[in-house]
C-alpha atoms as a PDB file:
ATOM      1  CA  MET A   1     -37.046 -16.667 -57.151  1.00  0.00           C
ATOM      2  CA  PRO A   2     -40.141 -16.662 -54.972  1.00  0.00           C
ATOM      3  CA  ASP A   3     -40.615 -13.812 -52.481  1.00  0.00           C
ATOM      4  CA  TRP A   4     -40.754 -16.137 -49.489  1.00  0.00           C
ATOM      5  CA  LEU A   5     -37.314 -17.561 -50.358  1.00  0.00           C
ATOM      6  CA  ILE A   6     -35.793 -14.069 -50.485  1.00  0.00           C
ATOM      7  CA  ILE A   7     -37.331 -13.316 -47.089  1.00  0.00           C
ATOM      8  CA  VAL A   8     -35.914 -16.566 -45.644  1.00  0.00           C
ATOM      9  CA  ILE A   9     -32.440 -15.786 -47.027  1.00  0.00           C
ATOM     10  CA  VAL A  10     -32.525 -12.210 -45.652  1.00  0.00           C
ATOM     11  CA  VAL A  11     -33.712 -13.421 -42.232  1.00  0.00           C
ATOM     12  CA  ALA A  12     -31.017 -16.139 -42.180  1.00  0.00           C
ATOM     13  CA  ALA A  13     -28.355 -13.572 -43.134  1.00  0.00           C
ATOM     14  CA  LEU A  14     -29.544 -11.275 -40.347  1.00  0.00           C
ATOM     15  CA  ILE A  15     -29.413 -14.153 -37.857  1.00  0.00           C
ATOM     16  CA  VAL A  16     -25.882 -15.061 -38.974  1.00  0.00           C
ATOM     17  CA  LEU A  17     -24.783 -11.409 -38.646  1.00  0.00           C
ATOM     18  CA  ALA A  18     -26.356 -11.189 -35.180  1.00  0.00           C
ATOM     19  CA  VAL A  19     -24.547 -14.367 -34.067  1.00  0.00           C
ATOM     20  CA  ILE A  20     -21.234 -13.050 -35.428  1.00  0.00           C
ATOM     21  CA  ALA A  21     -21.757  -9.702 -33.671  1.00  0.00           C
ATOM     22  CA  PHE A  22     -22.586 -11.526 -30.417  1.00  0.00           C
ATOM     23  CA  VAL A  23     -19.460 -13.712 -30.624  1.00  0.00           C
ATOM     24  CA  VAL A  24     -17.198 -10.745 -31.416  1.00  0.00           C
ATOM     25  CA  SER A  25     -18.729  -8.759 -28.577  1.00  0.00           C
ATOM     26  CA  LYS A  26     -18.280 -11.655 -26.170  1.00  0.00           C
ATOM     27  CA  ARG A  27     -14.614 -12.042 -27.132  1.00  0.00           C
ATOM     28  CA  ALA A  28     -13.982  -8.319 -26.695  1.00  0.00           C
ATOM     29  CA  ARG A  29     -15.661  -8.415 -23.302  1.00  0.00           C
ATOM     30  CA  ALA A  30     -13.536 -11.434 -22.283  1.00  0.00           C
ATOM     31  CA  LYS A  31     -10.328  -9.634 -23.344  1.00  0.00           C
ATOM     32  CA  ASN A  32     -11.368  -6.563 -21.398  1.00  0.00           C
ATOM     33  CA  GLU A  33     -12.093  -8.661 -18.303  1.00  0.00           C
ATOM     34  CA  GLU A  34      -8.691 -10.331 -18.634  1.00  0.00           C
ATOM     35  CA  ARG A  35      -6.980  -6.922 -18.805  1.00  0.00           C
ATOM     36  CA  GLN A  36      -8.925  -5.831 -15.743  1.00  0.00           C
ATOM     37  CA  ARG A  37      -7.862  -8.987 -13.873  1.00  0.00           C
ATOM     38  CA  GLU A  38      -4.210  -8.396 -14.771  1.00  0.00           C
ATOM     39  CA  LYS A  39      -4.469  -4.788 -13.625  1.00  0.00           C
ATOM     40  CA  ALA A  40      -6.072  -5.878 -10.352  1.00  0.00           C
ATOM     41  CA  ILE A  41      -3.299  -8.438  -9.786  1.00  0.00           C
ATOM     42  CA  GLU A  42      -0.660  -5.732 -10.340  1.00  0.00           C
ATOM     43  CA  GLN A  43      -2.465  -3.403  -7.942  1.00  0.00           C
ATOM     44  CA  ARG A  44      -2.728  -6.136  -5.287  1.00  0.00           C
ATOM     45  CA  ASP A  45       0.960  -6.930  -5.678  1.00  0.00           C
ATOM     46  CA  GLU A  46       1.880  -3.272  -5.259  1.00  0.00           C
ATOM     47  CA  ALA A  47      -0.447  -2.932  -2.270  1.00  0.00           C
ATOM     48  CA  GLN A  48       1.166  -5.958  -0.616  1.00  0.00           C
ATOM     49  CA  LEU A  49       4.639  -4.564  -1.302  1.00  0.00           C
ATOM     50  CA  ARG A  50       3.727  -1.189   0.187  1.00  0.00           C
ATOM     51  CA  ALA A  51       2.094  -2.826   3.199  1.00  0.00           C
ATOM     52  CA  ARG A  52       5.237  -4.893   3.758  1.00  0.00           C
ATOM     53  CA  GLU A  53       7.426  -1.773   3.449  1.00  0.00           C
ATOM     54  CA  ALA A  54       5.158   0.103   5.866  1.00  0.00           C
ATOM     55  CA  GLY A  55       5.407  -2.758   8.350  1.00  0.00           C
ATOM     56  CA  GLU A  56       9.181  -2.733   8.116  1.00  0.00           C
ATOM     57  CA  ALA A  57       9.247   1.053   8.610  1.00  0.00           C
ATOM     58  CA  GLU A  58       6.962   0.741  11.645  1.00  0.00           C
ATOM     59  CA  LEU A  59       9.204  -1.953  13.102  1.00  0.00           C
ATOM     60  CA  GLN A  60      12.287   0.204  12.549  1.00  0.00           C
ATOM     61  CA  ALA A  61      10.546   3.218  14.122  1.00  0.00           C
ATOM     62  CA  SER A  62       9.563   1.087  17.083  1.00  0.00           C
ATOM     63  CA  ARG A  63      13.171  -0.028  17.520  1.00  0.00           C
ATOM     64  CA  TYR A  64      14.350   3.590  17.366  1.00  0.00           C
ATOM     65  CA  ALA A  65      11.726   4.586  19.946  1.00  0.00           C
ATOM     66  CA  GLU A  66      12.818   1.760  22.255  1.00  0.00           C
ATOM     67  CA  GLU A  67      16.468   2.771  21.886  1.00  0.00           C
ATOM     68  CA  ALA A  68      15.575   6.416  22.580  1.00  0.00           C
ATOM     69  CA  GLN A  69      13.669   5.355  25.694  1.00  0.00           C
ATOM     70  CA  ARG A  70      16.655   3.281  26.912  1.00  0.00           C
ATOM     71  CA  GLN A  71      19.004   6.213  26.350  1.00  0.00           C
ATOM     72  CA  ARG A  72      16.612   8.591  28.128  1.00  0.00           C
ATOM     73  CA  GLU A  73      16.439   6.210  31.103  1.00  0.00           C
ATOM     74  CA  ARG A  74      20.232   5.878  31.116  1.00  0.00           C
ATOM     75  CA  ALA A  75      20.603   9.678  31.042  1.00  0.00           C
ATOM     76  CA  GLU A  76      18.173  10.037  33.944  1.00  0.00           C
ATOM     77  CA  GLU A  77      20.059   7.362  35.877  1.00  0.00           C
ATOM     78  CA  LEU A  78      23.378   9.127  35.260  1.00  0.00           C
ATOM     79  CA  ASP A  79      21.805  12.438  36.279  1.00  0.00           C
ATOM     80  CA  ARG A  80      20.582  10.890  39.544  1.00  0.00           C
ATOM     81  CA  LYS A  81      24.027   9.449  40.216  1.00  0.00           C
ATOM     82  CA  ALA A  82      25.595  12.844  39.530  1.00  0.00           C
ATOM     83  CA  ALA A  83      23.145  14.491  41.905  1.00  0.00           C
ATOM     84  CA  GLU A  84      24.003  11.909  44.594  1.00  0.00           C
ATOM     85  CA  THR A  85      27.701  12.464  44.002  1.00  0.00           C
ATOM     86  CA  ASP A  86      27.478  16.290  44.064  1.00  0.00           C
ATOM     87  CA  PRO A  87      24.139  17.238  45.614  1.00  0.00           C
ATOM     88  CA  GLY A  88      24.943  20.961  45.532  1.00  0.00           C
ATOM     89  CA  SER A  89      25.203  21.192  41.749  1.00  0.00           C
ATOM     90  CA  GLY A  90      21.500  20.640  41.094  1.00  0.00           C
ATOM     91  CA  SER A  91      20.041  20.360  37.630  1.00  0.00           C
ATOM     92  CA  GLU A  92      20.764  24.039  36.791  1.00  0.00           C
ATOM     93  CA  GLY A  93      24.294  23.142  35.832  1.00  0.00           C
ATOM     94  CA  ARG A  94      23.131  21.069  32.870  1.00  0.00           C
ATOM     95  CA  SER A  95      22.124  24.060  30.768  1.00  0.00           C
ATOM     96  CA  GLY A  96      25.691  24.571  29.642  1.00  0.00           C
ATOM     97  CA  HIS A  97      26.064  27.975  31.388  1.00  0.00           C
ATOM     98  CA  ARG A  98      28.674  28.464  34.007  1.00  0.00           C
ATOM     99  CA  ALA A  99      27.409  29.652  37.381  1.00  0.00           C
ATOM    100  CA  GLU A 100      29.189  32.840  38.557  1.00  0.00           C
END
């Protein structure tokens, strides 16, 4: 077999091996990218869920704050009415201690 033919066969084999290595590498990279995409989707889903839960908690806290404010205003109104009804008692009587 002539030397040039052996060189051609070796070069062709190297080219085929390089193409195979490139294809395998490309497939591995594509699988890795797909895993990364799936992970990102899961993370986005969890982030959206947590954001929704945080929004619900903020809404609930806001409702509690509004209710507390209404009760505070009602207590102040009742305190004013009590002071109008018995002006001599003052606000000292609210501490729970009996005046002697």
